[in-house]
């Protein structure tokens, strides 16, 4: 009894440590800013995991599927994401080419599932669902809209799953999401906002943090040995984050008494309802094919609203940045083949629509429709497992019309591509 308690305590301690690591690593570049790097197996399958849902990462994809896991299972992993793109901006007939700073992001994940009895399972996950990171030089022509944006989220998600019978399982959970935003741009103290002049540039940095609760529910159906169906929902979240706005004036510039004063600030934004559905078919015992679709209700994300406690920060207390995004689909297909019992080979593909309509795209998230090709493998030895994946993503080129009121120049987005390498490990008790 003491040995079993010690083992469970060690597993719990390990999981909490992995969850903390995940909480410090949640940032990446995405269409919209949804992140789907929830596990190496799912990454290799193009995200087609909603119906399969038979490893610990099912907590993120479809927690009803954890009723397929006997005993206790843990897993943890990380993805290395390296996005790149080129932006060509035109001002007064002169075109300047800019490349986004080549950053590398490391969103992590950690999961534990435990069978309580013949009908009830507990599953807890720590993973990233939203995030973005874009960075350009401080003197680039688009700096009055943005030169560096970082939005990081981290979800802690406990779930209870109930096995109704041998064919149907249900799950429900609570999601607590931590949000951190670091937003930087330049303000022109002269009021002219001329990209080719720099003497009056004031640096603005807004940093905010917040916690938001949400909910999720799921169902998993296995009508036969060959077929499986998964449906999953995650609620929209109304985020309120608070922090500070700070200003750095050019050397030698006197401090205006009614402008550019540091201030407390709050930020409101809404992340969308997300619906996931999938169908898996096994024509052979060692071969599975899955088709999934994800509907993200990005119309919920209609603005980002800021409130400055001091009107002397930028001359007004309230600022609202209109988004007006569209609801979009993501379509996924994954194939998994086991040439021998403990080795799995995987390939995947997805097509991910961009929710940002013409007239609202900006430099915080200069994105377009994405496609992905992926491959990976999994290996299991007794109770230990390891999964690895490589993804190559690319985005369609996009032209952006100038919007002087938003400090957006005529822009051409090209050569957008992302390399992702992911690895995770698991253990069954």
Protein backbone atom coordinates (compact mmCIF):
# COMPACT_ATOMS: atom_id res chain seq x y z
CA UNK A 1 0.00 0.00 0.00
CA UNK A 2 2.82 2.38 0.93
CA UNK A 3 4.67 1.55 -2.31
CA UNK A 4 1.58 2.28 -4.39
CA UNK A 5 1.04 5.58 -2.56
CA UNK A 6 4.67 6.56 -3.12
CA UNK A 7 4.44 5.75 -6.84
CA UNK A 8 1.26 7.79 -7.24
CA UNK A 9 2.81 10.70 -5.32
CA UNK A 10 5.88 10.63 -7.55
CA UNK A 11 3.72 10.60 -10.68
CA UNK A 12 1.68 13.55 -9.41
CA UNK A 13 4.84 15.51 -8.56
CA UNK A 14 6.28 14.81 -12.02
CA UNK A 15 3.06 15.92 -13.69
CA UNK A 16 2.90 19.17 -11.73
CA UNK A 17 6.50 19.90 -12.75
CA UNK A 18 5.74 19.20 -16.39
CA UNK A 19 2.63 21.39 -16.21
CA UNK A 20 4.70 24.27 -14.85
CA UNK A 21 7.16 23.84 -17.73
CA UNK A 22 4.26 23.92 -20.20
CA UNK A 23 3.04 27.14 -18.65
CA UNK A 24 6.25 28.96 -19.52
CA UNK A 25 6.46 27.77 -23.13
CA UNK A 26 3.13 28.61 -24.76
CA UNK A 27 3.78 30.81 -27.79
CA UNK A 28 3.76 30.19 -31.51
CA UNK A 29 2.62 31.50 -34.88
CA UNK A 30 -0.68 30.29 -36.35
CA UNK A 31 -3.60 30.95 -38.71
CA UNK A 32 -5.91 32.87 -36.47
CA UNK A 33 -3.84 32.36 -33.38
CA UNK A 34 -5.08 28.88 -32.47
CA UNK A 35 -2.37 26.38 -31.52
CA UNK A 36 -2.89 22.65 -32.17
CA UNK A 37 0.52 21.28 -31.17
CA UNK A 38 -0.94 19.18 -28.34
CA UNK A 39 1.20 16.07 -28.82
CA UNK A 40 3.67 14.53 -31.26
CA UNK A 41 1.30 11.75 -32.33
CA UNK A 42 -1.43 14.23 -33.22
CA UNK A 43 1.08 16.49 -34.96
CA UNK A 44 2.26 13.58 -37.16
CA UNK A 45 -1.37 12.82 -38.08
CA UNK A 46 -2.14 16.39 -39.12
CA UNK A 47 -4.25 16.80 -35.99
CA UNK A 48 -6.63 13.96 -36.89
CA UNK A 49 -7.02 12.64 -33.33
CA UNK A 50 -10.61 13.46 -32.31
CA UNK A 51 -12.05 10.03 -33.12
CA UNK A 52 -8.89 8.05 -32.30
CA UNK A 53 -8.43 9.67 -28.85
CA UNK A 54 -6.64 6.64 -27.38
CA UNK A 55 -3.57 8.13 -25.72
CA UNK A 56 -3.22 10.71 -22.89
CA UNK A 57 -3.29 13.66 -25.32
CA UNK A 58 -6.97 12.80 -25.82
CA UNK A 59 -7.50 15.17 -22.86
CA UNK A 60 -6.92 18.00 -25.36
CA UNK A 61 -8.50 16.46 -28.47
CA UNK A 62 -11.45 14.52 -27.05
CA UNK A 63 -11.39 13.68 -23.32
CA UNK A 64 -14.25 11.18 -23.72
CA UNK A 65 -11.71 8.92 -25.44
CA UNK A 66 -9.67 8.41 -22.26
CA UNK A 67 -12.10 5.62 -21.27
CA UNK A 68 -10.08 3.48 -23.71
CA UNK A 69 -7.04 3.72 -21.37
CA UNK A 70 -6.86 1.21 -18.54
CA UNK A 71 -5.02 2.11 -15.35
CA UNK A 72 -2.89 5.26 -15.15
CA UNK A 73 -1.09 6.92 -18.08
CA UNK A 74 1.18 9.96 -18.22
CA UNK A 75 2.85 11.75 -21.10
CA UNK A 76 4.74 14.97 -21.67
CA UNK A 77 6.33 16.61 -24.66
CA UNK A 78 7.38 19.75 -26.44
CA UNK A 79 7.25 21.15 -29.97
CA UNK A 80 9.94 23.34 -31.50
CA UNK A 81 8.27 25.82 -33.86
CA UNK A 82 10.28 28.02 -36.23
CA UNK A 83 8.14 30.40 -38.36
CA UNK A 84 9.46 32.63 -41.15
CA UNK A 85 7.93 35.11 -43.60
CA UNK A 86 8.79 38.08 -45.84
CA UNK A 87 6.85 41.35 -45.93
CA UNK A 88 7.34 43.93 -48.67
CA UNK A 89 5.91 47.34 -47.70
CA UNK A 90 5.38 50.24 -50.10
CA UNK A 91 5.50 53.92 -49.07
CA UNK A 92 5.56 56.84 -51.52
CA UNK A 93 6.19 54.40 -54.36
CA UNK A 94 9.26 52.85 -52.70
CA UNK A 95 9.08 49.18 -51.72
CA UNK A 96 11.11 47.86 -48.79
CA UNK A 97 11.48 44.15 -48.03
CA UNK A 98 11.39 43.04 -44.41
CA UNK A 99 11.77 39.59 -42.90
CA UNK A 100 10.25 38.75 -39.56
CA UNK A 101 12.79 38.01 -36.84
CA UNK A 102 13.53 34.28 -36.85
CA UNK A 103 12.36 33.24 -33.39
CA UNK A 104 11.86 29.68 -32.17
CA UNK A 105 8.99 28.84 -29.82
CA UNK A 106 8.56 25.82 -27.54
CA UNK A 107 4.94 25.08 -26.58
CA UNK A 108 4.89 22.13 -24.20
CA UNK A 109 2.22 19.70 -23.04
CA UNK A 110 1.67 17.30 -20.15
CA UNK A 111 -1.18 14.83 -19.48
CA UNK A 112 -2.25 12.28 -16.88
CA UNK A 113 -5.24 9.94 -17.05
CA UNK A 114 -6.45 7.61 -14.32
CA UNK A 115 -9.16 4.95 -14.30
CA UNK A 116 -11.14 5.41 -11.08
CA UNK A 117 -13.45 2.42 -11.61
CA UNK A 118 -15.10 0.48 -14.44
CA UNK A 119 -17.12 3.52 -15.52
CA UNK A 120 -15.29 6.69 -14.45
CA UNK A 121 -11.94 8.18 -15.56
CA UNK A 122 -10.06 11.33 -14.56
CA UNK A 123 -7.92 13.17 -17.09
CA UNK A 124 -5.86 16.33 -16.57
CA UNK A 125 -3.99 18.24 -19.25
CA UNK A 126 -1.65 21.22 -19.45
CA UNK A 127 -1.25 22.60 -22.98
CA UNK A 128 -1.44 25.69 -25.19
CA UNK A 129 -4.52 26.54 -27.29
CA UNK A 130 -3.76 30.10 -28.41
CA UNK A 131 -0.63 32.11 -29.01
CA UNK A 132 1.20 34.25 -31.50
CA UNK A 133 4.58 35.85 -31.85
CA UNK A 134 5.60 38.34 -34.55
CA UNK A 135 8.66 40.56 -34.44
CA UNK A 136 10.25 43.09 -36.80
CA UNK A 137 13.03 45.62 -36.36
CA UNK A 138 12.10 48.69 -34.30
CA UNK A 139 12.71 51.01 -37.25
CA UNK A 140 10.72 49.14 -39.92
CA UNK A 141 8.04 51.08 -41.82
CA UNK A 142 5.13 49.29 -40.13
CA UNK A 143 6.30 50.09 -36.59
CA UNK A 144 3.42 52.52 -35.91
CA UNK A 145 1.04 49.57 -36.12
CA UNK A 146 3.30 46.99 -34.42
CA UNK A 147 6.91 45.90 -34.30
CA UNK A 148 6.61 43.12 -31.72
CA UNK A 149 3.59 41.13 -30.56
CA UNK A 150 3.49 38.25 -28.12
CA UNK A 151 0.30 36.62 -26.89
CA UNK A 152 0.82 33.51 -24.79
CA UNK A 153 -1.79 31.23 -23.24
CA UNK A 154 -1.57 28.18 -21.04
CA UNK A 155 -4.53 25.89 -20.22
CA UNK A 156 -4.94 23.67 -17.18
CA UNK A 157 -7.81 21.31 -17.95
CA UNK A 158 -9.20 18.64 -15.56
CA UNK A 159 -11.90 16.32 -16.98
CA UNK A 160 -14.17 13.52 -15.82
CA UNK A 161 -15.12 10.88 -18.40
CA UNK A 162 -17.96 8.38 -18.00
CA UNK A 163 -18.22 5.11 -19.91
CA UNK A 164 -21.94 4.66 -20.49
CA UNK A 165 -21.50 1.26 -22.16
CA UNK A 166 -19.03 -0.50 -24.46
CA UNK A 167 -19.93 1.87 -27.31
CA UNK A 168 -20.48 5.37 -25.88
CA UNK A 169 -18.47 7.56 -23.50
CA UNK A 170 -19.00 11.15 -22.37
CA UNK A 171 -16.69 13.72 -20.77
CA UNK A 172 -16.86 17.22 -19.33
CA UNK A 173 -14.20 19.51 -17.94
CA UNK A 174 -13.22 22.93 -16.67
CA UNK A 175 -10.47 24.86 -18.44
CA UNK A 176 -8.50 27.56 -16.65
CA UNK A 177 -6.53 29.61 -19.15
CA UNK A 178 -3.68 31.94 -18.29
CA UNK A 179 -3.18 34.77 -20.79
CA UNK A 180 -0.14 37.01 -21.11
CA UNK A 181 0.27 39.70 -23.78
CA UNK A 182 3.33 41.83 -24.58
CA UNK A 183 2.49 44.39 -27.29
CA UNK A 184 4.97 46.91 -28.64
CA UNK A 185 4.75 49.65 -31.25
CA UNK A 186 5.95 53.18 -31.92
CA UNK A 187 4.00 56.42 -31.50
CA UNK A 188 5.06 59.55 -33.35
CA UNK A 189 5.10 62.53 -30.97
CA UNK A 190 4.93 64.86 -33.99
CA UNK A 191 1.57 63.36 -34.98
CA UNK A 192 2.74 62.93 -38.60
CA UNK A 193 3.39 59.17 -38.56
CA UNK A 194 5.88 59.34 -41.41
CA UNK A 195 7.70 55.97 -41.71
CA UNK A 196 10.93 57.55 -42.98
CA UNK A 197 11.46 59.79 -39.93
CA UNK A 198 12.42 58.57 -36.48
CA UNK A 199 13.38 61.55 -34.28
CA UNK A 200 9.93 61.80 -32.62
CA UNK A 201 9.30 58.07 -32.18
CA UNK A 202 8.04 57.12 -28.71
CA UNK A 203 8.18 53.45 -27.73
CA UNK A 204 4.96 52.03 -26.26
CA UNK A 205 4.94 48.69 -24.43
CA UNK A 206 1.81 47.11 -22.96
CA UNK A 207 2.16 44.03 -20.73
CA UNK A 208 -0.95 42.37 -19.27
CA UNK A 209 -1.76 39.08 -17.52
CA UNK A 210 -5.01 37.34 -16.61
CA UNK A 211 -6.80 34.07 -15.82
CA UNK A 212 -10.07 33.01 -17.46
CA UNK A 213 -12.34 30.00 -16.80
CA UNK A 214 -13.96 28.00 -19.60
CA UNK A 215 -15.69 24.67 -20.17
CA UNK A 216 -15.48 21.70 -22.48
CA UNK A 217 -17.50 18.58 -23.27
CA UNK A 218 -17.04 15.57 -25.53
CA UNK A 219 -18.47 12.24 -26.70
CA UNK A 220 -16.73 9.17 -28.11
CA UNK A 221 -18.62 6.45 -30.00
CA UNK A 222 -17.31 3.08 -31.23
CA UNK A 223 -20.17 1.41 -33.15
CA UNK A 224 -17.86 -1.41 -34.27
CA UNK A 225 -14.22 -2.50 -34.19
CA UNK A 226 -13.65 -0.78 -37.55
CA UNK A 227 -15.29 2.60 -36.85
CA UNK A 228 -14.94 5.33 -34.24
CA UNK A 229 -16.59 8.76 -34.01
CA UNK A 230 -15.51 11.69 -31.86
CA UNK A 231 -17.12 15.04 -31.09
CA UNK A 232 -15.62 17.69 -28.84
CA UNK A 233 -16.48 21.28 -27.84
CA UNK A 234 -14.52 24.00 -26.08
CA UNK A 235 -16.27 27.17 -24.96
CA UNK A 236 -15.46 30.71 -25.87
CA UNK A 237 -13.70 32.72 -23.15
CA UNK A 238 -14.10 36.39 -22.28
CA UNK A 239 -10.63 37.39 -21.16
CA UNK A 240 -9.81 40.35 -18.90
CA UNK A 241 -6.09 40.89 -18.41
CA UNK A 242 -4.51 43.73 -16.47
CA UNK A 243 -1.05 45.22 -16.33
CA UNK A 244 0.85 48.34 -17.35
CA UNK A 245 1.60 50.61 -20.29
CA UNK A 246 5.05 52.20 -20.37
CA UNK A 247 6.65 54.76 -22.68
CA UNK A 248 10.25 55.44 -23.67
CA UNK A 249 10.92 58.85 -25.24
CA UNK A 250 13.77 59.60 -27.67
CA UNK A 251 16.95 60.91 -26.08
CA UNK A 252 16.70 64.65 -25.41
CA UNK A 253 12.94 64.86 -25.90
CA UNK A 254 11.21 66.61 -22.94
CA UNK A 255 8.33 64.78 -21.24
CA UNK A 256 5.00 66.29 -22.37
CA UNK A 257 2.84 66.84 -19.26
CA UNK A 258 -0.31 65.43 -20.89
CA UNK A 259 1.06 62.55 -22.96
CA UNK A 260 3.21 59.42 -22.78
CA UNK A 261 2.81 58.93 -19.02
CA UNK A 262 3.07 55.38 -17.72
CA UNK A 263 -0.31 53.96 -16.75
CA UNK A 264 -2.10 50.89 -15.46
CA UNK A 265 -4.06 49.25 -18.28
CA UNK A 266 -6.58 46.46 -18.82
CA UNK A 267 -7.26 44.49 -22.00
CA UNK A 268 -10.45 42.64 -22.97
CA UNK A 269 -10.72 40.08 -25.76
CA UNK A 270 -12.76 36.97 -26.53
CA UNK A 271 -11.40 33.66 -27.81
CA UNK A 272 -13.92 31.56 -29.75
CA UNK A 273 -16.10 28.51 -29.36
CA UNK A 274 -14.30 25.56 -30.96
CA UNK A 275 -16.08 22.45 -32.28
CA UNK A 276 -14.07 19.35 -33.27
CA UNK A 277 -15.39 16.27 -35.04
CA UNK A 278 -13.74 13.17 -36.48
CA UNK A 279 -14.36 9.75 -38.02
CA UNK A 280 -11.82 6.93 -37.89
CA UNK A 281 -11.91 3.83 -40.09
CA UNK A 282 -9.72 0.73 -39.69
CA UNK A 283 -9.73 -1.31 -42.92
CA UNK A 284 -7.08 -3.54 -41.31
CA UNK A 285 -6.26 -4.22 -37.69
CA UNK A 286 -2.91 -2.41 -38.06
CA UNK A 287 -4.08 0.42 -40.35
CA UNK A 288 -6.29 3.42 -39.50
CA UNK A 289 -7.48 6.41 -41.53
CA UNK A 290 -9.10 9.41 -39.86
CA UNK A 291 -10.85 12.49 -41.22
CA UNK A 292 -11.46 15.45 -38.88
CA UNK A 293 -12.94 18.94 -39.12
CA UNK A 294 -12.58 21.84 -36.69
CA UNK A 295 -14.95 24.82 -36.68
CA UNK A 296 -13.62 27.91 -34.87
CA UNK A 297 -16.16 30.68 -34.25
CA UNK A 298 -13.74 33.55 -34.74
CA UNK A 299 -16.66 35.96 -35.18
CA UNK A 300 -16.66 35.96 -31.35
CA UNK A 301 -13.31 37.77 -31.56
CA UNK A 302 -14.64 41.09 -32.79
CA UNK A 303 -12.30 43.53 -31.02
CA UNK A 304 -9.50 44.04 -28.50
CA UNK A 305 -10.43 46.74 -25.99
CA UNK A 306 -7.95 48.66 -23.82
CA UNK A 307 -8.67 50.88 -20.83
CA UNK A 308 -5.91 53.21 -19.58
CA UNK A 309 -6.25 54.46 -16.01
CA UNK A 310 -4.42 57.67 -16.95
CA UNK A 311 -5.75 59.72 -19.83
CA UNK A 312 -2.27 61.23 -20.07
CA UNK A 313 -0.93 57.94 -21.42
CA UNK A 314 -2.10 58.53 -25.00
CA UNK A 315 -4.66 61.31 -24.59
CA UNK A 316 -7.69 59.07 -24.01
CA UNK A 317 -8.76 56.36 -21.60
CA UNK A 318 -10.37 53.84 -23.96
CA UNK A 319 -9.13 52.32 -27.20
CA UNK A 320 -10.93 49.63 -29.22
CA UNK A 321 -9.21 47.79 -32.06
CA UNK A 322 -11.80 46.28 -34.40
CA UNK A 323 -11.16 42.74 -35.67
CA UNK A 324 -14.38 41.48 -37.34
CA UNK A 325 -12.95 38.04 -38.06
CA UNK A 326 -14.86 35.21 -39.77
CA UNK A 327 -15.83 31.73 -38.61
CA UNK A 328 -13.51 29.23 -40.33
CA UNK A 329 -12.85 25.52 -40.84
CA UNK A 330 -9.78 23.36 -40.50
CA UNK A 331 -9.81 20.02 -42.35
CA UNK A 332 -7.47 17.19 -41.35
CA UNK A 333 -6.58 13.68 -42.47
CA UNK A 334 -4.17 11.25 -40.82
CA UNK A 335 -3.00 7.71 -41.58
CA UNK A 336 -1.35 5.41 -39.04
CA UNK A 337 0.21 2.05 -39.94
CA UNK A 338 1.86 -0.48 -37.62
CA UNK A 339 4.21 -2.74 -39.62
CA UNK A 340 5.00 -4.50 -36.32
CA UNK A 341 3.08 -4.39 -33.06
CA UNK A 342 5.17 -1.76 -31.23
CA UNK A 343 6.13 0.52 -34.13
CA UNK A 344 3.75 3.05 -35.71
CA UNK A 345 4.35 5.03 -38.91
CA UNK A 346 2.23 8.16 -39.45
CA UNK A 347 1.50 10.79 -42.10
CA UNK A 348 -0.94 13.68 -42.08
CA UNK A 349 -2.26 16.73 -43.90
CA UNK A 350 -4.46 19.69 -43.00
CA UNK A 351 -5.91 22.78 -44.62
CA UNK A 352 -6.55 25.67 -42.22
CA UNK A 353 -8.55 28.70 -43.32
CA UNK A 354 -7.52 32.16 -42.15
CA UNK A 355 -10.30 34.02 -40.33
CA UNK A 356 -8.93 37.50 -41.12
CA UNK A 357 -10.85 39.29 -43.92
CA UNK A 358 -9.36 41.87 -46.25
CA UNK A 359 -9.55 45.25 -44.57
CA UNK A 360 -8.73 43.92 -41.09
CA UNK A 361 -5.40 42.11 -41.47
CA UNK A 362 -2.57 43.82 -39.58
CA UNK A 363 1.05 43.31 -38.55
CA UNK A 364 0.14 41.68 -35.24
CA UNK A 365 -0.89 38.63 -37.25
CA UNK A 366 -0.03 38.88 -40.98
CA UNK A 367 -1.51 35.52 -41.94
CA UNK A 368 -3.33 33.66 -44.70
CA UNK A 369 -4.72 30.17 -45.37
CA UNK A 370 -2.32 27.45 -44.21
CA UNK A 371 -1.50 23.95 -45.38
CA UNK A 372 0.52 21.29 -43.58
CA UNK A 373 2.29 18.05 -44.46
CA UNK A 374 3.53 15.91 -41.60
CA UNK A 375 5.11 12.58 -40.81
CA UNK A 376 6.21 10.80 -37.68
CA UNK A 377 6.63 7.57 -35.81
CA UNK A 378 5.84 6.03 -32.46
CA UNK A 379 7.60 3.29 -30.56
CA UNK A 380 6.48 1.37 -27.50
CA UNK A 381 8.56 -0.82 -25.19
CA UNK A 382 6.62 -2.47 -22.38
CA UNK A 383 5.11 0.46 -20.44
CA UNK A 384 7.27 3.16 -22.06
CA UNK A 385 6.41 5.00 -25.28
CA UNK A 386 7.97 7.73 -27.39
CA UNK A 387 6.51 9.70 -30.32
CA UNK A 388 8.20 12.06 -32.76
CA UNK A 389 6.89 14.20 -35.61
CA UNK A 390 7.96 16.72 -38.24
CA UNK A 391 5.56 19.25 -39.77
CA UNK A 392 6.08 21.61 -42.67
CA UNK A 393 3.51 24.41 -42.90
CA UNK A 394 3.15 27.01 -45.59
CA UNK A 395 0.79 29.92 -46.15
CA UNK A 396 -0.65 31.35 -49.33
CA UNK A 397 0.88 34.69 -50.39
CA UNK A 398 -1.33 37.66 -49.59
CA UNK A 399 -1.60 41.31 -50.60
CA UNK A 400 -2.71 43.91 -48.05
CA UNK A 401 -4.19 47.23 -49.13
CA UNK A 402 -2.99 50.38 -47.35
CA UNK A 403 -5.09 51.63 -44.42
CA UNK A 404 -3.51 54.94 -43.32
CA UNK A 405 -5.85 55.34 -40.34
CA UNK A 406 -4.51 52.05 -38.92
CA UNK A 407 -0.87 52.79 -39.99
CA UNK A 408 -1.00 49.80 -42.35
CA UNK A 409 1.00 50.27 -45.55
CA UNK A 410 0.47 48.52 -48.85
CA UNK A 411 2.06 45.15 -48.07
CA UNK A 412 2.84 41.89 -49.84
CA UNK A 413 3.23 38.79 -47.63
CA UNK A 414 5.34 36.05 -49.24
CA UNK A 415 7.45 32.98 -48.44
CA UNK A 416 5.61 32.20 -45.23
CA UNK A 417 6.62 28.79 -43.93
CA UNK A 418 7.07 27.06 -40.59
CA UNK A 419 9.10 24.05 -39.48
CA UNK A 420 7.88 22.09 -36.46
CA UNK A 421 9.67 19.26 -34.71
CA UNK A 422 7.93 17.62 -31.75
CA UNK A 423 8.75 14.88 -29.29
CA UNK A 424 6.90 13.37 -26.36
CA UNK A 425 7.29 10.44 -24.00
CA UNK A 426 4.78 8.46 -22.00
CA UNK A 427 4.51 5.78 -19.35
CA UNK A 428 1.65 3.43 -18.41
CA UNK A 429 1.08 2.18 -14.85
